Amino acid sequence: MNQRITVRYEGRVQGVGFRFTVVNLAQNFTVTGWVKNEFDGSVSMVAEGEEAQLMSLLQAIRNSHLDQTITNELARRSAPTGEFKQFGVAY
């Protein structure tokens, strides 16, 4: 059963290739959604997929070089909408 996870990453997460790294990592999993820069300097990610795939994506982000730039990760789950066809950068 698909789920949706919305994550807010805080720290020095803009200007370090964060979004493009997340998109590249997401290609390894069966997930859809987006990642985007926020005006307050954080980065938001919305992803939908099977729970195991979502958790694997989150772990891959934590295990990547991005871990050095993240000071806080706030995640919440909700019902999936099925609105996404792929995973990419949102502007």
PDB file of N, CA and C in Angstrom:
ATOM      1  N   MET A   1       0.844  -1.180   0.000  1.00  0.00           N
ATOM      2  CA  MET A   1       0.000   0.000   0.000  1.00  0.00           C
ATOM      3  C   MET A   1       0.894   1.249   0.000  1.00  0.00           C
ATOM      4  N   ASN A   2       0.589   2.159  -0.886  1.00  0.00           N
ATOM      5  CA  ASN A   2       1.381   3.387  -0.982  1.00  0.00           C
ATOM      6  C   ASN A   2       1.092   4.333   0.173  1.00  0.00           C
ATOM      7  N   GLN A   3       2.113   5.121   0.473  1.00  0.00           N
ATOM      8  CA  GLN A   3       2.024   6.148   1.502  1.00  0.00           C
ATOM      9  C   GLN A   3       2.626   7.429   0.945  1.00  0.00           C
ATOM     10  N   ARG A   4       2.398   8.514   1.659  1.00  0.00           N
ATOM     11  CA  ARG A   4       3.019   9.796   1.326  1.00  0.00           C
ATOM     12  C   ARG A   4       3.816  10.254   2.533  1.00  0.00           C
ATOM     13  N   ILE A   5       5.015  10.765   2.260  1.00  0.00           N
ATOM     14  CA  ILE A   5       5.824  11.347   3.321  1.00  0.00           C
ATOM     15  C   ILE A   5       6.234  12.743   2.870  1.00  0.00           C
ATOM     16  N   THR A   6       6.091  13.689   3.775  1.00  0.00           N
ATOM     17  CA  THR A   6       6.517  15.065   3.535  1.00  0.00           C
ATOM     18  C   THR A   6       7.640  15.350   4.515  1.00  0.00           C
ATOM     19  N   VAL A   7       8.777  15.785   3.992  1.00  0.00           N
ATOM     20  CA  VAL A   7       9.958  15.993   4.831  1.00  0.00           C
ATOM     21  C   VAL A   7      10.470  17.412   4.624  1.00  0.00           C
ATOM     22  N   ARG A   8      10.837  18.041   5.724  1.00  0.00           N
ATOM     23  CA  ARG A   8      11.467  19.365   5.691  1.00  0.00           C
ATOM     24  C   ARG A   8      12.884  19.190   6.224  1.00  0.00           C
ATOM     25  N   TYR A   9      13.849  19.541   5.392  1.00  0.00           N
ATOM     26  CA  TYR A   9      15.253  19.466   5.775  1.00  0.00           C
ATOM     27  C   TYR A   9      15.749  20.861   6.092  1.00  0.00           C
ATOM     28  N   GLU A  10      16.395  20.991   7.250  1.00  0.00           N
ATOM     29  CA  GLU A  10      16.949  22.274   7.667  1.00  0.00           C
ATOM     30  C   GLU A  10      18.453  22.146   7.814  1.00  0.00           C
ATOM     31  N   GLY A  11      19.133  23.261   7.716  1.00  0.00           N
ATOM     32  CA  GLY A  11      20.584  23.309   7.813  1.00  0.00           C
ATOM     33  C   GLY A  11      21.127  24.097   6.630  1.00  0.00           C
ATOM     34  N   ARG A  12      22.320  23.754   6.206  1.00  0.00           N
ATOM     35  CA  ARG A  12      22.892  24.388   5.013  1.00  0.00           C
ATOM     36  C   ARG A  12      22.546  23.485   3.834  1.00  0.00           C
ATOM     37  N   VAL A  13      21.284  23.527   3.449  1.00  0.00           N
ATOM     38  CA  VAL A  13      20.759  22.587   2.465  1.00  0.00           C
ATOM     39  C   VAL A  13      20.481  23.215   1.103  1.00  0.00           C
ATOM     40  N   GLN A  14      20.721  24.495   0.963  1.00  0.00           N
ATOM     41  CA  GLN A  14      20.578  25.134  -0.341  1.00  0.00           C
ATOM     42  C   GLN A  14      21.950  25.535  -0.848  1.00  0.00           C
ATOM     43  N   GLY A  15      22.133  25.435  -2.153  1.00  0.00           N
ATOM     44  CA  GLY A  15      23.405  25.806  -2.754  1.00  0.00           C
ATOM     45  C   GLY A  15      24.476  24.735  -2.624  1.00  0.00           C
ATOM     46  N   VAL A  16      24.067  23.517  -2.285  1.00  0.00           N
ATOM     47  CA  VAL A  16      25.032  22.423  -2.114  1.00  0.00           C
ATOM     48  C   VAL A  16      24.676  21.212  -2.985  1.00  0.00           C
ATOM     49  N   GLY A  17      23.772  21.391  -3.942  1.00  0.00           N
ATOM     50  CA  GLY A  17      23.354  20.287  -4.802  1.00  0.00           C
ATOM     51  C   GLY A  17      22.370  19.339  -4.145  1.00  0.00           C
ATOM     52  N   PHE A  18      21.715  19.811  -3.111  1.00  0.00           N
ATOM     53  CA  PHE A  18      20.798  18.966  -2.337  1.00  0.00           C
ATOM     54  C   PHE A  18      19.692  18.394  -3.217  1.00  0.00           C
ATOM     55  N   ARG A  19      18.980  19.261  -3.928  1.00  0.00           N
ATOM     56  CA  ARG A  19      17.832  18.799  -4.726  1.00  0.00           C
ATOM     57  C   ARG A  19      18.246  17.789  -5.784  1.00  0.00           C
ATOM     58  N   PHE A  20      19.317  18.070  -6.475  1.00  0.00           N
ATOM     59  CA  PHE A  20      19.732  17.183  -7.553  1.00  0.00           C
ATOM     60  C   PHE A  20      20.268  15.852  -7.021  1.00  0.00           C
ATOM     61  N   THR A  21      20.906  15.877  -5.863  1.00  0.00           N
ATOM     62  CA  THR A  21      21.339  14.631  -5.233  1.00  0.00           C
ATOM     63  C   THR A  21      20.129  13.802  -4.834  1.00  0.00           C
ATOM     64  N   VAL A  22      19.114  14.436  -4.257  1.00  0.00           N
ATOM     65  CA  VAL A  22      17.909  13.700  -3.862  1.00  0.00           C
ATOM     66  C   VAL A  22      17.216  13.102  -5.085  1.00  0.00           C
ATOM     67  N   VAL A  23      17.137  13.848  -6.173  1.00  0.00           N
ATOM     68  CA  VAL A  23      16.526  13.319  -7.395  1.00  0.00           C
ATOM     69  C   VAL A  23      17.315  12.099  -7.881  1.00  0.00           C
ATOM     70  N   ASN A  24      18.632  12.192  -7.883  1.00  0.00           N
ATOM     71  CA  ASN A  24      19.452  11.056  -8.313  1.00  0.00           C
ATOM     72  C   ASN A  24      19.262   9.853  -7.400  1.00  0.00           C
ATOM     73  N   LEU A  25      19.205  10.080  -6.098  1.00  0.00           N
ATOM     74  CA  LEU A  25      18.978   8.979  -5.162  1.00  0.00           C
ATOM     75  C   LEU A  25      17.604   8.357  -5.375  1.00  0.00           C
ATOM     76  N   ALA A  26      16.600   9.193  -5.609  1.00  0.00           N
ATOM     77  CA  ALA A  26      15.228   8.708  -5.768  1.00  0.00           C
ATOM     78  C   ALA A  26      15.085   7.789  -6.977  1.00  0.00           C
ATOM     79  N   GLN A  27      15.969   7.940  -7.964  1.00  0.00           N
ATOM     80  CA  GLN A  27      15.899   7.086  -9.153  1.00  0.00           C
ATOM     81  C   GLN A  27      16.164   5.622  -8.816  1.00  0.00           C
ATOM     82  N   ASN A  28      16.769   5.370  -7.655  1.00  0.00           N
ATOM     83  CA  ASN A  28      17.053   4.000  -7.225  1.00  0.00           C
ATOM     84  C   ASN A  28      15.876   3.328  -6.543  1.00  0.00           C
ATOM     85  N   PHE A  29      14.789   4.069  -6.362  1.00  0.00           N
ATOM     86  CA  PHE A  29      13.636   3.545  -5.639  1.00  0.00           C
ATOM     87  C   PHE A  29      12.367   3.792  -6.443  1.00  0.00           C
ATOM     88  N   THR A  30      11.333   3.046  -6.122  1.00  0.00           N
ATOM     89  CA  THR A  30      10.053   3.203  -6.801  1.00  0.00           C
ATOM     90  C   THR A  30       9.238   4.230  -6.027  1.00  0.00           C
ATOM     91  N   VAL A  31       9.572   5.502  -6.244  1.00  0.00           N
ATOM     92  CA  VAL A  31       8.880   6.607  -5.580  1.00  0.00           C
ATOM     93  C   VAL A  31       8.588   7.697  -6.602  1.00  0.00           C
ATOM     94  N   THR A  32       7.579   8.487  -6.303  1.00  0.00           N
ATOM     95  CA  THR A  32       7.244   9.649  -7.109  1.00  0.00           C
ATOM     96  C   THR A  32       7.148  10.848  -6.179  1.00  0.00           C
ATOM     97  N   GLY A  33       7.214  12.053  -6.743  1.00  0.00           N
ATOM     98  CA  GLY A  33       7.081  13.255  -5.927  1.00  0.00           C
ATOM     99  C   GLY A  33       8.028  14.333  -6.378  1.00  0.00           C
ATOM    100  N   TRP A  34       8.447  15.165  -5.430  1.00  0.00           N
ATOM    101  CA  TRP A  34       9.322  16.290  -5.752  1.00  0.00           C
ATOM    102  C   TRP A  34      10.151  16.719  -4.556  1.00  0.00           C
ATOM    103  N   VAL A  35      11.159  17.525  -4.870  1.00  0.00           N
ATOM    104  CA  VAL A  35      12.000  18.167  -3.856  1.00  0.00           C
ATOM    105  C   VAL A  35      12.173  19.612  -4.308  1.00  0.00           C
ATOM    106  N   LYS A  36      12.106  20.563  -3.363  1.00  0.00           N
ATOM    107  CA  LYS A  36      12.244  21.966  -3.754  1.00  0.00           C
ATOM    108  C   LYS A  36      12.819  22.816  -2.640  1.00  0.00           C
ATOM    109  N   ASN A  37      13.473  23.906  -3.046  1.00  0.00           N
ATOM    110  CA  ASN A  37      13.976  24.901  -2.108  1.00  0.00           C
ATOM    111  C   ASN A  37      12.827  25.742  -1.590  1.00  0.00           C
ATOM    112  N   GLU A  38      12.880  26.089  -0.309  1.00  0.00           N
ATOM    113  CA  GLU A  38      11.886  26.969   0.297  1.00  0.00           C
ATOM    114  C   GLU A  38      12.517  28.340   0.546  1.00  0.00           C
ATOM    115  N   PHE A  39      11.691  29.351   0.645  1.00  0.00           N
ATOM    116  CA  PHE A  39      12.175  30.722   0.831  1.00  0.00           C
ATOM    117  C   PHE A  39      12.937  30.909   2.141  1.00  0.00           C
ATOM    118  N   ASP A  40      12.643  30.098   3.145  1.00  0.00           N
ATOM    119  CA  ASP A  40      13.308  30.257   4.449  1.00  0.00           C
ATOM    120  C   ASP A  40      14.669  29.553   4.520  1.00  0.00           C
ATOM    121  N   GLY A  41      15.127  28.975   3.410  1.00  0.00           N
ATOM    122  CA  GLY A  41      16.425  28.313   3.382  1.00  0.00           C
ATOM    123  C   GLY A  41      16.366  26.809   3.586  1.00  0.00           C
ATOM    124  N   SER A  42      15.191  26.281   3.878  1.00  0.00           N
ATOM    125  CA  SER A  42      15.039  24.836   4.038  1.00  0.00           C
ATOM    126  C   SER A  42      14.755  24.202   2.672  1.00  0.00           C
ATOM    127  N   VAL A  43      14.694  22.885   2.657  1.00  0.00           N
ATOM    128  CA  VAL A  43      14.322  22.132   1.463  1.00  0.00           C
ATOM    129  C   VAL A  43      13.184  21.207   1.850  1.00  0.00           C
ATOM    130  N   SER A  44      12.148  21.163   1.014  1.00  0.00           N
ATOM    131  CA  SER A  44      11.010  20.275   1.246  1.00  0.00           C
ATOM    132  C   SER A  44      11.028  19.143   0.232  1.00  0.00           C
ATOM    133  N   MET A  45      10.564  17.986   0.685  1.00  0.00           N
ATOM    134  CA  MET A  45      10.422  16.839  -0.196  1.00  0.00           C
ATOM    135  C   MET A  45       9.075  16.190   0.073  1.00  0.00           C
ATOM    136  N   VAL A  46       8.374  15.859  -0.988  1.00  0.00           N
ATOM    137  CA  VAL A  46       7.147  15.075  -0.898  1.00  0.00           C
ATOM    138  C   VAL A  46       7.382  13.842  -1.755  1.00  0.00           C
ATOM    139  N   ALA A  47       7.195  12.675  -1.162  1.00  0.00           N
ATOM    140  CA  ALA A  47       7.407  11.434  -1.899  1.00  0.00           C
ATOM    141  C   ALA A  47       6.283  10.467  -1.604  1.00  0.00           C
ATOM    142  N   GLU A  48       5.907   9.712  -2.632  1.00  0.00           N
ATOM    143  CA  GLU A  48       4.896   8.678  -2.487  1.00  0.00           C
ATOM    144  C   GLU A  48       5.443   7.361  -2.996  1.00  0.00           C
ATOM    145  N   GLY A  49       5.051   6.300  -2.318  1.00  0.00           N
ATOM    146  CA  GLY A  49       5.463   4.956  -2.705  1.00  0.00           C
ATOM    147  C   GLY A  49       5.211   3.994  -1.568  1.00  0.00           C
ATOM    148  N   GLU A  50       5.662   2.761  -1.749  1.00  0.00           N
ATOM    149  CA  GLU A  50       5.554   1.762  -0.688  1.00  0.00           C
ATOM    150  C   GLU A  50       6.412   2.205   0.496  1.00  0.00           C
ATOM    151  N   GLU A  51       5.988   1.869   1.698  1.00  0.00           N
ATOM    152  CA  GLU A  51       6.707   2.301   2.896  1.00  0.00           C
ATOM    153  C   GLU A  51       8.188   1.924   2.856  1.00  0.00           C
ATOM    154  N   ALA A  52       8.486   0.707   2.444  1.00  0.00           N
ATOM    155  CA  ALA A  52       9.883   0.264   2.414  1.00  0.00           C
ATOM    156  C   ALA A  52      10.705   1.118   1.453  1.00  0.00           C
ATOM    157  N   GLN A  53      10.132   1.491   0.332  1.00  0.00           N
ATOM    158  CA  GLN A  53      10.835   2.326  -0.643  1.00  0.00           C
ATOM    159  C   GLN A  53      11.067   3.729  -0.082  1.00  0.00           C
ATOM    160  N   LEU A  54      10.063   4.273   0.589  1.00  0.00           N
ATOM    161  CA  LEU A  54      10.202   5.606   1.183  1.00  0.00           C
ATOM    162  C   LEU A  54      11.263   5.615   2.277  1.00  0.00           C
ATOM    163  N   MET A  55      11.235   4.594   3.136  1.00  0.00           N
ATOM    164  CA  MET A  55      12.219   4.522   4.215  1.00  0.00           C
ATOM    165  C   MET A  55      13.632   4.328   3.657  1.00  0.00           C
ATOM    166  N   SER A  56      13.746   3.572   2.590  1.00  0.00           N
ATOM    167  CA  SER A  56      15.050   3.378   1.954  1.00  0.00           C
ATOM    168  C   SER A  56      15.559   4.682   1.351  1.00  0.00           C
ATOM    169  N   LEU A  57      14.673   5.466   0.754  1.00  0.00           N
ATOM    170  CA  LEU A  57      15.073   6.769   0.216  1.00  0.00           C
ATOM    171  C   LEU A  57      15.544   7.682   1.338  1.00  0.00           C
ATOM    172  N   LEU A  58      14.808   7.757   2.421  1.00  0.00           N
ATOM    173  CA  LEU A  58      15.218   8.595   3.556  1.00  0.00           C
ATOM    174  C   LEU A  58      16.579   8.155   4.089  1.00  0.00           C
ATOM    175  N   GLN A  59      16.790   6.849   4.187  1.00  0.00           N
ATOM    176  CA  GLN A  59      18.072   6.350   4.677  1.00  0.00           C
ATOM    177  C   GLN A  59      19.193   6.660   3.693  1.00  0.00           C
ATOM    178  N   ALA A  60      18.915   6.570   2.410  1.00  0.00           N
ATOM    179  CA  ALA A  60      19.928   6.890   1.395  1.00  0.00           C
ATOM    180  C   ALA A  60      20.332   8.359   1.494  1.00  0.00           C
ATOM    181  N   ILE A  61      19.367   9.235   1.752  1.00  0.00           N
ATOM    182  CA  ILE A  61      19.681  10.664   1.924  1.00  0.00           C
ATOM    183  C   ILE A  61      20.564  10.841   3.159  1.00  0.00           C
ATOM    184  N   ARG A  62      20.208  10.183   4.247  1.00  0.00           N
ATOM    185  CA  ARG A  62      21.004  10.280   5.481  1.00  0.00           C
ATOM    186  C   ARG A  62      22.414   9.726   5.295  1.00  0.00           C
ATOM    187  N   ASN A  63      22.556   8.699   4.468  1.00  0.00           N
ATOM    188  CA  ASN A  63      23.854   8.059   4.258  1.00  0.00           C
ATOM    189  C   ASN A  63      24.711   8.777   3.209  1.00  0.00           C
ATOM    190  N   SER A  64      24.129   9.729   2.504  1.00  0.00           N
ATOM    191  CA  SER A  64      24.868  10.437   1.462  1.00  0.00           C
ATOM    192  C   SER A  64      25.689  11.573   2.069  1.00  0.00           C
ATOM    193  N   HIS A  65      26.425  12.268   1.227  1.00  0.00           N
ATOM    194  CA  HIS A  65      27.195  13.433   1.684  1.00  0.00           C
ATOM    195  C   HIS A  65      26.295  14.546   2.210  1.00  0.00           C
ATOM    196  N   LEU A  66      25.006  14.492   1.907  1.00  0.00           N
ATOM    197  CA  LEU A  66      24.065  15.520   2.374  1.00  0.00           C
ATOM    198  C   LEU A  66      23.930  15.518   3.888  1.00  0.00           C
ATOM    199  N   ASP A  67      24.223  14.395   4.505  1.00  0.00           N
ATOM    200  CA  ASP A  67      24.124  14.283   5.961  1.00  0.00           C
ATOM    201  C   ASP A  67      24.938  15.365   6.667  1.00  0.00           C
ATOM    202  N   GLN A  68      26.014  15.792   6.055  1.00  0.00           N
ATOM    203  CA  GLN A  68      26.873  16.816   6.654  1.00  0.00           C
ATOM    204  C   GLN A  68      26.215  18.189   6.649  1.00  0.00           C
ATOM    205  N   THR A  69      25.210  18.390   5.795  1.00  0.00           N
ATOM    206  CA  THR A  69      24.577  19.710   5.683  1.00  0.00           C
ATOM    207  C   THR A  69      23.237  19.785   6.400  1.00  0.00           C
ATOM    208  N   ILE A  70      22.680  18.636   6.793  1.00  0.00           N
ATOM    209  CA  ILE A  70      21.363  18.590   7.441  1.00  0.00           C
ATOM    210  C   ILE A  70      21.518  18.725   8.957  1.00  0.00           C
ATOM    211  N   THR A  71      20.816  19.705   9.536  1.00  0.00           N
ATOM    212  CA  THR A  71      20.812  19.834  10.993  1.00  0.00           C
ATOM    213  C   THR A  71      19.506  19.335  11.597  1.00  0.00           C
ATOM    214  N   ASN A  72      18.446  19.269  10.783  1.00  0.00           N
ATOM    215  CA  ASN A  72      17.156  18.813  11.290  1.00  0.00           C
ATOM    216  C   ASN A  72      16.349  18.221  10.153  1.00  0.00           C
ATOM    217  N   GLU A  73      15.630  17.146  10.449  1.00  0.00           N
ATOM    218  CA  GLU A  73      14.763  16.479   9.478  1.00  0.00           C
ATOM    219  C   GLU A  73      13.398  16.305  10.131  1.00  0.00           C
ATOM    220  N   LEU A  74      12.394  16.953   9.594  1.00  0.00           N
ATOM    221  CA  LEU A  74      11.039  16.859  10.128  1.00  0.00           C
ATOM    222  C   LEU A  74      10.176  16.132   9.106  1.00  0.00           C
ATOM    223  N   ALA A  75       9.642  14.977   9.480  1.00  0.00           N
ATOM    224  CA  ALA A  75       8.866  14.167   8.551  1.00  0.00           C
ATOM    225  C   ALA A  75       7.465  13.937   9.084  1.00  0.00           C
ATOM    226  N   ARG A  76       6.524  13.907   8.157  1.00  0.00           N
ATOM    227  CA  ARG A  76       5.159  13.537   8.524  1.00  0.00           C
ATOM    228  C   ARG A  76       4.555  12.691   7.417  1.00  0.00           C
ATOM    229  N   ARG A  77       3.705  11.783   7.814  1.00  0.00           N
ATOM    230  CA  ARG A  77       3.050  10.884   6.861  1.00  0.00           C
ATOM    231  C   ARG A  77       1.622  11.342   6.621  1.00  0.00           C
ATOM    232  N   SER A  78       1.127  11.019   5.452  1.00  0.00           N
ATOM    233  CA  SER A  78      -0.268  11.292   5.126  1.00  0.00           C
ATOM    234  C   SER A  78      -0.703  10.323   4.033  1.00  0.00           C
ATOM    235  N   ALA A  79      -1.959  10.399   3.684  1.00  0.00           N
ATOM    236  CA  ALA A  79      -2.486   9.523   2.638  1.00  0.00           C
ATOM    237  C   ALA A  79      -1.940   9.954   1.279  1.00  0.00           C
ATOM    238  N   PRO A  80      -1.590   9.001   0.429  1.00  0.00           N
ATOM    239  CA  PRO A  80      -1.097   9.354  -0.896  1.00  0.00           C
ATOM    240  C   PRO A  80      -2.227   9.901  -1.770  1.00  0.00           C
ATOM    241  N   THR A  81      -1.854  10.741  -2.717  1.00  0.00           N
ATOM    242  CA  THR A  81      -2.842  11.298  -3.650  1.00  0.00           C
ATOM    243  C   THR A  81      -2.723  10.684  -5.037  1.00  0.00           C
ATOM    244  N   GLY A  82      -1.573  10.095  -5.342  1.00  0.00           N
ATOM    245  CA  GLY A  82      -1.353   9.511  -6.661  1.00  0.00           C
ATOM    246  C   GLY A  82      -1.186  10.540  -7.756  1.00  0.00           C
ATOM    247  N   GLU A  83      -0.929  11.797  -7.375  1.00  0.00           N
ATOM    248  CA  GLU A  83      -0.856  12.887  -8.356  1.00  0.00           C
ATOM    249  C   GLU A  83       0.436  12.939  -9.155  1.00  0.00           C
ATOM    250  N   PHE A  84       1.468  12.232  -8.715  1.00  0.00           N
ATOM    251  CA  PHE A  84       2.774  12.335  -9.356  1.00  0.00           C
ATOM    252  C   PHE A  84       3.015  11.182 -10.326  1.00  0.00           C
ATOM    253  N   LYS A  85       3.709  11.483 -11.407  1.00  0.00           N
ATOM    254  CA  LYS A  85       4.078  10.466 -12.393  1.00  0.00           C
ATOM    255  C   LYS A  85       5.528  10.036 -12.229  1.00  0.00           C
ATOM    256  N   GLN A  86       6.363  10.935 -11.677  1.00  0.00           N
ATOM    257  CA  GLN A  86       7.787  10.674 -11.503  1.00  0.00           C
ATOM    258  C   GLN A  86       8.295  11.485 -10.321  1.00  0.00           C
ATOM    259  N   PHE A  87       9.609  11.439 -10.082  1.00  0.00           N
ATOM    260  CA  PHE A  87      10.212  12.216  -9.019  1.00  0.00           C
ATOM    261  C   PHE A  87      11.134  13.245  -9.660  1.00  0.00           C
ATOM    262  N   GLY A  88      10.992  14.513  -9.244  1.00  0.00           N
ATOM    263  CA  GLY A  88      11.827  15.556  -9.835  1.00  0.00           C
ATOM    264  C   GLY A  88      11.921  16.783  -8.946  1.00  0.00           C
ATOM    265  N   VAL A  89      12.530  17.816  -9.497  1.00  0.00           N
ATOM    266  CA  VAL A  89      12.695  19.092  -8.795  1.00  0.00           C
ATOM    267  C   VAL A  89      11.464  19.949  -9.068  1.00  0.00           C
ATOM    268  N   ALA A  90      10.909  20.541  -8.040  1.00  0.00           N
ATOM    269  CA  ALA A  90       9.805  21.483  -8.174  1.00  0.00           C
ATOM    270  C   ALA A  90      10.363  22.883  -7.944  1.00  0.00           C
ATOM    271  N   TYR A  91       9.800  23.839  -8.634  1.00  0.00           N
ATOM    272  CA  TYR A  91      10.236  25.231  -8.500  1.00  0.00           C
ATOM    273  C   TYR A  91       9.109  26.104  -8.022  1.00  0.00           C
TER     274      TYR A  91
END
